[in-house]
C-alpha atoms as a PDB file:
ATOM      1  CA  UNK A   1     -17.908 -19.291  -8.094  1.00  0.00           C
ATOM      2  CA  UNK A   2     -14.230 -18.194  -7.386  1.00  0.00           C
ATOM      3  CA  UNK A   3     -11.156 -20.800  -8.111  1.00  0.00           C
ATOM      4  CA  UNK A   4      -7.675 -20.173  -7.627  1.00  0.00           C
ATOM      5  CA  UNK A   5      -5.343 -22.569  -9.820  1.00  0.00           C
ATOM      6  CA  UNK A   6      -1.831 -22.287  -8.783  1.00  0.00           C
ATOM      7  CA  UNK A   7      -1.893 -18.638  -8.590  1.00  0.00           C
ATOM      8  CA  UNK A   8       1.189 -16.786  -8.020  1.00  0.00           C
ATOM      9  CA  UNK A   9       1.492 -12.913  -8.317  1.00  0.00           C
ATOM     10  CA  UNK A  10       4.512 -10.393  -7.635  1.00  0.00           C
ATOM     11  CA  UNK A  11       4.776  -6.509  -8.153  1.00  0.00           C
ATOM     12  CA  UNK A  12       8.098  -7.254 -10.112  1.00  0.00           C
ATOM     13  CA  UNK A  13       9.746 -10.181 -11.502  1.00  0.00           C
ATOM     14  CA  UNK A  14      11.958 -10.475  -8.516  1.00  0.00           C
ATOM     15  CA  UNK A  15       9.357  -9.908  -5.588  1.00  0.00           C
ATOM     16  CA  UNK A  16       6.766 -12.735  -5.783  1.00  0.00           C
ATOM     17  CA  UNK A  17       4.414 -11.861  -3.073  1.00  0.00           C
ATOM     18  CA  UNK A  18       1.753 -14.610  -3.260  1.00  0.00           C
ATOM     19  CA  UNK A  19       2.747 -18.196  -3.904  1.00  0.00           C
ATOM     20  CA  UNK A  20       0.615 -20.880  -5.680  1.00  0.00           C
ATOM     21  CA  UNK A  21      -2.454 -20.388  -4.011  1.00  0.00           C
ATOM     22  CA  UNK A  22      -5.210 -22.910  -4.592  1.00  0.00           C
ATOM     23  CA  UNK A  23      -8.794 -23.006  -3.220  1.00  0.00           C
ATOM     24  CA  UNK A  24     -11.957 -22.831  -4.189  1.00  0.00           C
ATOM     25  CA  UNK A  25     -15.036 -20.743  -2.715  1.00  0.00           C
ATOM     26  CA  UNK A  26     -18.684 -21.897  -3.399  1.00  0.00           C
ATOM     27  CA  UNK A  27     -21.847 -19.685  -3.630  1.00  0.00           C
ATOM     28  CA  UNK A  28     -23.578 -18.392  -0.460  1.00  0.00           C
ATOM     29  CA  UNK A  29     -20.040 -18.840   1.574  1.00  0.00           C
ATOM     30  CA  UNK A  30     -18.666 -16.308   4.119  1.00  0.00           C
ATOM     31  CA  UNK A  31     -15.158 -16.677   4.026  1.00  0.00           C
ATOM     32  CA  UNK A  32     -12.434 -14.604   6.316  1.00  0.00           C
ATOM     33  CA  UNK A  33      -8.889 -14.077   4.850  1.00  0.00           C
ATOM     34  CA  UNK A  34      -6.849 -13.939   7.948  1.00  0.00           C
ATOM     35  CA  UNK A  35      -3.026 -13.379   8.915  1.00  0.00           C
ATOM     36  CA  UNK A  36      -0.683 -10.794  10.339  1.00  0.00           C
ATOM     37  CA  UNK A  37       0.061  -7.837   8.105  1.00  0.00           C
ATOM     38  CA  UNK A  38       1.904  -8.208   5.138  1.00  0.00           C
ATOM     39  CA  UNK A  39       0.557 -12.135   4.438  1.00  0.00           C
ATOM     40  CA  UNK A  40      -0.868 -11.378   1.263  1.00  0.00           C
ATOM     41  CA  UNK A  41      -4.604 -10.956   2.126  1.00  0.00           C
ATOM     42  CA  UNK A  42      -5.509  -8.022   0.482  1.00  0.00           C
ATOM     43  CA  UNK A  43      -3.188  -8.769  -2.645  1.00  0.00           C
ATOM     44  CA  UNK A  44      -5.323 -12.133  -2.672  1.00  0.00           C
ATOM     45  CA  UNK A  45      -8.834 -10.296  -2.221  1.00  0.00           C
ATOM     46  CA  UNK A  46      -7.871  -7.732  -5.530  1.00  0.00           C
ATOM     47  CA  UNK A  47      -6.625 -10.792  -7.408  1.00  0.00           C
ATOM     48  CA  UNK A  48     -10.328 -11.960  -7.255  1.00  0.00           C
ATOM     49  CA  UNK A  49     -11.865  -8.888  -8.726  1.00  0.00           C
ATOM     50  CA  UNK A  50      -9.423  -8.280 -11.046  1.00  0.00           C
ATOM     51  CA  UNK A  51      -7.477  -5.481 -10.209  1.00  0.00           C
ATOM     52  CA  UNK A  52      -4.360  -7.297 -10.022  1.00  0.00           C
ATOM     53  CA  UNK A  53      -3.478 -10.220 -12.768  1.00  0.00           C
ATOM     54  CA  UNK A  54      -1.861 -13.553 -11.420  1.00  0.00           C
ATOM     55  CA  UNK A  55       2.049 -13.795 -13.084  1.00  0.00           C
ATOM     56  CA  UNK A  56       1.227 -17.844 -13.121  1.00  0.00           C
ATOM     57  CA  UNK A  57      -1.882 -19.764 -12.815  1.00  0.00           C
ATOM     58  CA  UNK A  58      -5.494 -18.917 -13.003  1.00  0.00           C
ATOM     59  CA  UNK A  59      -8.122 -16.913 -11.161  1.00  0.00           C
ATOM     60  CA  UNK A  60     -11.618 -17.707 -12.326  1.00  0.00           C
ATOM     61  CA  UNK A  61     -14.639 -15.674 -11.014  1.00  0.00           C
ATOM     62  CA  UNK A  62     -18.283 -16.845 -12.225  1.00  0.00           C
ATOM     63  CA  UNK A  63     -16.681 -18.516 -15.024  1.00  0.00           C
ATOM     64  CA  UNK A  64     -14.468 -15.720 -16.158  1.00  0.00           C
ATOM     65  CA  UNK A  65     -10.521 -15.796 -16.381  1.00  0.00           C
ATOM     66  CA  UNK A  66      -9.368 -12.725 -14.327  1.00  0.00           C
ATOM     67  CA  UNK A  67      -6.201 -12.867 -16.639  1.00  0.00           C
ATOM     68  CA  UNK A  68      -8.238 -12.367 -19.994  1.00  0.00           C
ATOM     69  CA  UNK A  69     -11.465 -10.718 -18.919  1.00  0.00           C
ATOM     70  CA  UNK A  70     -11.896  -6.925 -18.599  1.00  0.00           C
ATOM     71  CA  UNK A  71     -11.916  -5.483 -14.922  1.00  0.00           C
ATOM     72  CA  UNK A  72     -15.264  -3.790 -15.818  1.00  0.00           C
ATOM     73  CA  UNK A  73     -16.789  -6.922 -16.735  1.00  0.00           C
ATOM     74  CA  UNK A  74     -15.826  -8.481 -13.715  1.00  0.00           C
ATOM     75  CA  UNK A  75     -16.989  -5.698 -11.634  1.00  0.00           C
ATOM     76  CA  UNK A  76     -20.583  -6.197 -12.329  1.00  0.00           C
ATOM     77  CA  UNK A  77     -20.456  -9.337 -10.329  1.00  0.00           C
ATOM     78  CA  UNK A  78     -18.118  -8.367  -7.645  1.00  0.00           C
ATOM     79  CA  UNK A  79     -18.579  -5.319  -5.187  1.00  0.00           C
ATOM     80  CA  UNK A  80     -15.184  -4.115  -3.334  1.00  0.00           C
ATOM     81  CA  UNK A  81     -15.043  -2.273   0.029  1.00  0.00           C
ATOM     82  CA  UNK A  82     -11.686  -0.565  -0.125  1.00  0.00           C
ATOM     83  CA  UNK A  83     -10.089  -0.085   3.452  1.00  0.00           C
ATOM     84  CA  UNK A  84      -9.864   3.169   2.787  1.00  0.00           C
ATOM     85  CA  UNK A  85     -13.932   4.563   2.075  1.00  0.00           C
ATOM     86  CA  UNK A  86     -12.548   8.096   0.435  1.00  0.00           C
ATOM     87  CA  UNK A  87     -11.194   6.013  -2.555  1.00  0.00           C
ATOM     88  CA  UNK A  88     -14.918   5.021  -3.110  1.00  0.00           C
ATOM     89  CA  UNK A  89     -16.886   8.382  -2.837  1.00  0.00           C
ATOM     90  CA  UNK A  90     -17.852  10.757  -5.392  1.00  0.00           C
ATOM     91  CA  UNK A  91     -21.064  12.441  -4.967  1.00  0.00           C
ATOM     92  CA  UNK A  92     -22.606  15.193  -3.310  1.00  0.00           C
ATOM     93  CA  UNK A  93     -24.893  13.468  -1.142  1.00  0.00           C
ATOM     94  CA  UNK A  94     -25.127  10.112   0.591  1.00  0.00           C
ATOM     95  CA  UNK A  95     -28.376   9.379  -1.436  1.00  0.00           C
ATOM     96  CA  UNK A  96     -27.029  10.236  -4.924  1.00  0.00           C
ATOM     97  CA  UNK A  97     -24.052   8.120  -3.824  1.00  0.00           C
ATOM     98  CA  UNK A  98     -26.118   5.085  -3.445  1.00  0.00           C
ATOM     99  CA  UNK A  99     -28.346   5.863  -6.773  1.00  0.00           C
ATOM    100  CA  UNK A 100     -25.010   6.258  -8.554  1.00  0.00           C
ATOM    101  CA  UNK A 101     -23.981   2.473  -8.265  1.00  0.00           C
ATOM    102  CA  UNK A 102     -27.508   1.611  -8.930  1.00  0.00           C
ATOM    103  CA  UNK A 103     -27.382   3.630 -12.395  1.00  0.00           C
ATOM    104  CA  UNK A 104     -24.548   1.813 -13.582  1.00  0.00           C
ATOM    105  CA  UNK A 105     -25.337  -1.940 -13.113  1.00  0.00           C
ATOM    106  CA  UNK A 106     -29.109  -2.397 -12.463  1.00  0.00           C
ATOM    107  CA  UNK A 107     -32.070  -1.900 -14.901  1.00  0.00           C
ATOM    108  CA  UNK A 108     -34.561  -1.103 -11.789  1.00  0.00           C
ATOM    109  CA  UNK A 109     -37.119   1.528 -12.778  1.00  0.00           C
ATOM    110  CA  UNK A 110     -36.835   4.868 -10.629  1.00  0.00           C
ATOM    111  CA  UNK A 111     -39.480   3.545  -7.935  1.00  0.00           C
ATOM    112  CA  UNK A 112     -37.400   0.402  -7.352  1.00  0.00           C
ATOM    113  CA  UNK A 113     -34.177   2.139  -6.826  1.00  0.00           C
ATOM    114  CA  UNK A 114     -35.930   4.668  -4.631  1.00  0.00           C
ATOM    115  CA  UNK A 115     -37.342   2.010  -2.388  1.00  0.00           C
ATOM    116  CA  UNK A 116     -33.873   0.102  -2.432  1.00  0.00           C
ATOM    117  CA  UNK A 117     -31.819   3.198  -1.703  1.00  0.00           C
ATOM    118  CA  UNK A 118     -34.388   4.182   1.433  1.00  0.00           C
ATOM    119  CA  UNK A 119     -34.371   0.617   2.624  1.00  0.00           C
ATOM    120  CA  UNK A 120     -30.407   0.707   3.135  1.00  0.00           C
ATOM    121  CA  UNK A 121     -30.189   4.048   4.506  1.00  0.00           C
ATOM    122  CA  UNK A 122     -32.724   3.215   7.352  1.00  0.00           C
ATOM    123  CA  UNK A 123     -31.010   0.178   7.758  1.00  0.00           C
ATOM    124  CA  UNK A 124     -27.428   1.603   8.224  1.00  0.00           C
ATOM    125  CA  UNK A 125     -28.843   4.770   9.910  1.00  0.00           C
ATOM    126  CA  UNK A 126     -27.593   7.272   7.148  1.00  0.00           C
ATOM    127  CA  UNK A 127     -28.961  10.510   6.341  1.00  0.00           C
ATOM    128  CA  UNK A 128     -29.650  10.469   2.589  1.00  0.00           C
ATOM    129  CA  UNK A 129     -29.075  14.372   2.312  1.00  0.00           C
ATOM    130  CA  UNK A 130     -25.998  14.770   3.938  1.00  0.00           C
ATOM    131  CA  UNK A 131     -22.388  15.569   2.339  1.00  0.00           C
ATOM    132  CA  UNK A 132     -20.349  12.229   2.173  1.00  0.00           C
ATOM    133  CA  UNK A 133     -17.084  14.348   2.693  1.00  0.00           C
ATOM    134  CA  UNK A 134     -18.459  16.065   5.859  1.00  0.00           C
ATOM    135  CA  UNK A 135     -19.106  12.624   7.910  1.00  0.00           C
ATOM    136  CA  UNK A 136     -16.827  11.134  10.451  1.00  0.00           C
ATOM    137  CA  UNK A 137     -14.804   8.239   9.279  1.00  0.00           C
ATOM    138  CA  UNK A 138     -16.972   5.549  10.488  1.00  0.00           C
ATOM    139  CA  UNK A 139     -19.825   7.121   8.904  1.00  0.00           C
ATOM    140  CA  UNK A 140     -17.782   7.312   5.492  1.00  0.00           C
ATOM    141  CA  UNK A 141     -17.124   3.814   5.727  1.00  0.00           C
ATOM    142  CA  UNK A 142     -20.910   2.956   6.553  1.00  0.00           C
ATOM    143  CA  UNK A 143     -21.635   5.082   3.177  1.00  0.00           C
ATOM    144  CA  UNK A 144     -19.209   3.431   1.240  1.00  0.00           C
ATOM    145  CA  UNK A 145     -20.840  -0.058   2.157  1.00  0.00           C
ATOM    146  CA  UNK A 146     -24.500   0.746   1.523  1.00  0.00           C
ATOM    147  CA  UNK A 147     -23.356   1.830  -2.039  1.00  0.00           C
ATOM    148  CA  UNK A 148     -22.586  -1.682  -2.319  1.00  0.00           C
ATOM    149  CA  UNK A 149     -25.253  -3.359  -0.539  1.00  0.00           C
ATOM    150  CA  UNK A 150     -27.917  -1.437  -2.449  1.00  0.00           C
ATOM    151  CA  UNK A 151     -26.628  -3.144  -5.752  1.00  0.00           C
ATOM    152  CA  UNK A 152     -26.977  -6.499  -4.232  1.00  0.00           C
ATOM    153  CA  UNK A 153     -23.640  -7.908  -5.992  1.00  0.00           C
ATOM    154  CA  UNK A 154     -23.176 -11.816  -6.146  1.00  0.00           C
ATOM    155  CA  UNK A 155     -19.838 -11.767  -4.379  1.00  0.00           C
ATOM    156  CA  UNK A 156     -19.063  -8.869  -1.869  1.00  0.00           C
ATOM    157  CA  UNK A 157     -15.191  -8.636  -1.073  1.00  0.00           C
ATOM    158  CA  UNK A 158     -14.567  -6.448   2.129  1.00  0.00           C
ATOM    159  CA  UNK A 159     -11.371  -5.413   2.966  1.00  0.00           C
ATOM    160  CA  UNK A 160     -10.763  -4.752   6.376  1.00  0.00           C
ATOM    161  CA  UNK A 161     -14.623  -3.254   6.816  1.00  0.00           C
ATOM    162  CA  UNK A 162     -14.050  -2.488  10.709  1.00  0.00           C
ATOM    163  CA  UNK A 163     -11.083  -0.364  10.709  1.00  0.00           C
ATOM    164  CA  UNK A 164     -11.900   3.130  12.570  1.00  0.00           C
ATOM    165  CA  UNK A 165     -15.579   1.771  13.651  1.00  0.00           C
ATOM    166  CA  UNK A 166     -17.132   1.478  17.275  1.00  0.00           C
ATOM    167  CA  UNK A 167     -18.384  -1.633  18.676  1.00  0.00           C
ATOM    168  CA  UNK A 168     -22.075  -0.190  17.559  1.00  0.00           C
ATOM    169  CA  UNK A 169     -20.850   0.856  13.985  1.00  0.00           C
ATOM    170  CA  UNK A 170     -18.897  -2.279  13.515  1.00  0.00           C
ATOM    171  CA  UNK A 171     -21.985  -4.591  14.519  1.00  0.00           C
ATOM    172  CA  UNK A 172     -24.464  -2.797  12.158  1.00  0.00           C
ATOM    173  CA  UNK A 173     -22.150  -3.119   9.023  1.00  0.00           C
ATOM    174  CA  UNK A 174     -21.500  -6.770   9.931  1.00  0.00           C
ATOM    175  CA  UNK A 175     -24.902  -7.700  10.780  1.00  0.00           C
ATOM    176  CA  UNK A 176     -26.068  -5.965   7.307  1.00  0.00           C
ATOM    177  CA  UNK A 177     -23.281  -8.137   5.352  1.00  0.00           C
ATOM    178  CA  UNK A 178     -24.603 -11.174   7.162  1.00  0.00           C
ATOM    179  CA  UNK A 179     -28.258 -10.508   6.450  1.00  0.00           C
ATOM    180  CA  UNK A 180     -27.095 -10.195   2.679  1.00  0.00           C
ATOM    181  CA  UNK A 181     -25.258 -13.504   2.971  1.00  0.00           C
ATOM    182  CA  UNK A 182     -28.021 -15.222   4.381  1.00  0.00           C
ATOM    183  CA  UNK A 183     -31.096 -14.058   2.613  1.00  0.00           C
ATOM    184  CA  UNK A 184     -29.723 -13.236  -0.866  1.00  0.00           C
ATOM    185  CA  UNK A 185     -26.877 -15.852  -1.073  1.00  0.00           C
ATOM    186  CA  UNK A 186     -24.141 -13.423  -1.864  1.00  0.00           C
ATOM    187  CA  UNK A 187     -20.907 -14.613  -1.016  1.00  0.00           C
ATOM    188  CA  UNK A 188     -18.673 -12.862   1.191  1.00  0.00           C
ATOM    189  CA  UNK A 189     -14.833 -12.403   1.236  1.00  0.00           C
ATOM    190  CA  UNK A 190     -13.606 -10.400   4.076  1.00  0.00           C
ATOM    191  CA  UNK A 191     -10.122  -9.443   5.033  1.00  0.00           C
ATOM    192  CA  UNK A 192     -10.181  -8.594   8.742  1.00  0.00           C
ATOM    193  CA  UNK A 193      -7.737  -8.441  11.584  1.00  0.00           C
ATOM    194  CA  UNK A 194     -10.273  -8.590  14.141  1.00  0.00           C
ATOM    195  CA  UNK A 195     -10.564 -12.393  15.189  1.00  0.00           C
ATOM    196  CA  UNK A 196     -13.471 -11.628  17.109  1.00  0.00           C
ATOM    197  CA  UNK A 197     -15.404 -10.500  14.289  1.00  0.00           C
ATOM    198  CA  UNK A 198     -14.027 -13.297  12.169  1.00  0.00           C
ATOM    199  CA  UNK A 199     -15.544 -15.910  14.558  1.00  0.00           C
ATOM    200  CA  UNK A 200     -19.081 -14.216  15.151  1.00  0.00           C
ATOM    201  CA  UNK A 201     -19.403 -13.889  11.140  1.00  0.00           C
ATOM    202  CA  UNK A 202     -17.273 -15.620   9.011  1.00  0.00           C
ATOM    203  CA  UNK A 203     -17.884 -19.932   8.677  1.00  0.00           C
ATOM    204  CA  UNK A 204     -14.923 -20.501   6.760  1.00  0.00           C
ATOM    205  CA  UNK A 205     -11.417 -19.011   7.222  1.00  0.00           C
ATOM    206  CA  UNK A 206      -8.438 -18.883   4.583  1.00  0.00           C
ATOM    207  CA  UNK A 207      -5.351 -18.122   6.889  1.00  0.00           C
ATOM    208  CA  UNK A 208      -1.980 -16.970   5.042  1.00  0.00           C
ATOM    209  CA  UNK A 209       1.301 -16.228   6.175  1.00  0.00           C
ATOM    210  CA  UNK A 210       4.422 -14.891   3.958  1.00  0.00           C
ATOM    211  CA  UNK A 211       1.541 -15.205   0.772  1.00  0.00           C
ATOM    212  CA  UNK A 212       1.334 -18.524   1.185  1.00  0.00           C
ATOM    213  CA  UNK A 213      -1.891 -20.335   2.367  1.00  0.00           C
ATOM    214  CA  UNK A 214      -1.460 -22.200   5.884  1.00  0.00           C
ATOM    215  CA  UNK A 215      -4.992 -23.539   6.631  1.00  0.00           C
ATOM    216  CA  UNK A 216      -8.134 -23.804   5.032  1.00  0.00           C
ATOM    217  CA  UNK A 217     -11.456 -24.805   7.086  1.00  0.00           C
ATOM    218  CA  UNK A 218     -14.206 -24.125   9.464  1.00  0.00           C
ATOM    219  CA  UNK A 219     -13.300 -20.872  11.518  1.00  0.00           C
ATOM    220  CA  UNK A 220     -13.893 -22.265  14.669  1.00  0.00           C
ATOM    221  CA  UNK A 221     -11.661 -25.443  14.278  1.00  0.00           C
ATOM    222  CA  UNK A 222      -8.920 -23.083  12.585  1.00  0.00           C
ATOM    223  CA  UNK A 223      -8.709 -20.725  15.752  1.00  0.00           C
ATOM    224  CA  UNK A 224      -8.340 -23.813  18.061  1.00  0.00           C
ATOM    225  CA  UNK A 225      -5.135 -25.307  15.874  1.00  0.00           C
ATOM    226  CA  UNK A 226      -2.273 -23.625  18.004  1.00  0.00           C
ATOM    227  CA  UNK A 227       0.268 -24.306  15.350  1.00  0.00           C
ATOM    228  CA  UNK A 228      -1.366 -22.493  12.957  1.00  0.00           C
ATOM    229  CA  UNK A 229      -2.139 -19.698  14.874  1.00  0.00           C
ATOM    230  CA  UNK A 230       1.508 -19.220  15.953  1.00  0.00           C
ATOM    231  CA  UNK A 231       2.719 -19.478  12.459  1.00  0.00           C
ATOM    232  CA  UNK A 232       0.348 -17.038  11.278  1.00  0.00           C
ATOM    233  CA  UNK A 233       1.446 -14.632  14.082  1.00  0.00           C
ATOM    234  CA  UNK A 234      -2.481 -14.335  15.163  1.00  0.00           C
ATOM    235  CA  UNK A 235      -3.860 -14.489  18.225  1.00  0.00           C
ATOM    236  CA  UNK A 236      -7.305 -16.212  18.950  1.00  0.00           C
ATOM    237  CA  UNK A 237     -10.693 -14.616  20.342  1.00  0.00           C
ATOM    238  CA  UNK A 238     -10.858 -14.527  23.773  1.00  0.00           C
ATOM    239  CA  UNK A 239     -13.501 -17.050  24.261  1.00  0.00           C
ATOM    240  CA  UNK A 240     -11.677 -19.995  22.029  1.00  0.00           C
ATOM    241  CA  UNK A 241      -8.499 -19.044  23.854  1.00  0.00           C
ATOM    242  CA  UNK A 242     -10.091 -19.807  27.393  1.00  0.00           C
ATOM    243  CA  UNK A 243     -12.067 -22.660  25.767  1.00  0.00           C
ATOM    244  CA  UNK A 244      -8.632 -24.596  24.497  1.00  0.00           C
ATOM    245  CA  UNK A 245      -7.349 -24.049  27.838  1.00  0.00           C
ATOM    246  CA  UNK A 246      -9.770 -25.171  29.956  1.00  0.00           C
ATOM    247  CA  UNK A 247     -10.106 -28.190  27.856  1.00  0.00           C
ATOM    248  CA  UNK A 248     -12.839 -30.864  28.368  1.00  0.00           C
ATOM    249  CA  UNK A 249     -16.336 -29.915  27.946  1.00  0.00           C
ATOM    250  CA  UNK A 250     -15.163 -26.332  27.433  1.00  0.00           C
ATOM    251  CA  UNK A 251     -12.905 -26.963  24.738  1.00  0.00           C
ATOM    252  CA  UNK A 252     -15.568 -26.716  21.740  1.00  0.00           C
ATOM    253  CA  UNK A 253     -17.162 -23.459  23.418  1.00  0.00           C
ATOM    254  CA  UNK A 254     -17.406 -20.612  20.637  1.00  0.00           C
ATOM    255  CA  UNK A 255     -19.566 -18.307  22.543  1.00  0.00           C
ATOM    256  CA  UNK A 256     -20.301 -17.134  26.039  1.00  0.00           C
ATOM    257  CA  UNK A 257     -23.548 -19.131  25.798  1.00  0.00           C
ATOM    258  CA  UNK A 258     -21.657 -22.688  25.032  1.00  0.00           C
ATOM    259  CA  UNK A 259     -19.087 -21.423  27.811  1.00  0.00           C
ATOM    260  CA  UNK A 260     -22.123 -21.468  30.323  1.00  0.00           C
ATOM    261  CA  UNK A 261     -23.791 -24.388  29.447  1.00  0.00           C
ATOM    262  CA  UNK A 262     -20.470 -26.142  29.607  1.00  0.00           C
ATOM    263  CA  UNK A 263     -20.039 -24.626  32.760  1.00  0.00           C
ATOM    264  CA  UNK A 264     -23.387 -25.712  34.031  1.00  0.00           C
ATOM    265  CA  UNK A 265     -22.874 -29.131  32.899  1.00  0.00           C
ATOM    266  CA  UNK A 266     -20.059 -29.444  34.790  1.00  0.00           C
ATOM    267  CA  UNK A 267     -21.612 -28.018  38.144  1.00  0.00           C
ATOM    268  CA  UNK A 268     -24.552 -30.652  37.272  1.00  0.00           C
ATOM    269  CA  UNK A 269     -21.746 -33.357  37.318  1.00  0.00           C
ATOM    270  CA  UNK A 270     -20.279 -32.458  40.736  1.00  0.00           C
ATOM    271  CA  UNK A 271     -23.444 -32.362  42.378  1.00  0.00           C
END
């Protein structure tokens, strides 16, 4: 579905920021792009949807080479949530914002559009009659995401989707994305600085540093790789860090429940 073949990119000839990336993402995967600020995560995500074109190598999305395909054509397959939601809002009400996207990319009848919009509004607890520009930062982020979820894109790219959100808002947004991934097999690529969120939702992680790919694999396994985490200047989730320090039966604990099970095992063994 998505393929990077020796992809490099720079904003100028003397400033190459992405170096020979090679990876593939299959349909229905939930993948995180992780790394410190300046690692090249957001640049890589914009290479996927054609906003940026590689200076060498090829990016292929849904069989389309982004170098030779109009960005507007790629956009029919790829939804992109910007880090700043204000870059995506343009209508006078939340309901109109959601309908705007549906009118552009789908051929649903009026009844089907209305049903889909109202479903997303309820799921993300949004008031369809409110003015998007009078909402809080977190609410505007939910509106921007809702405008993407409602069209059910084949590929969904999230650039720091949890920035400025409290725990409830974060879980609400990520659960909605996860549901779309599981039920509709929408491919999700998430740029995220919150490793707790990455562990909870992304099954695979691509770790970057200095515009290069350091590691690609199962999220929980990468978080246990202390060499990779140190080179990428990342701190693993608390549960993973504790599991690694404790070792033994605790080593593979990815959740609090896993940790409790390991603790109960150790208690039974000691009895």
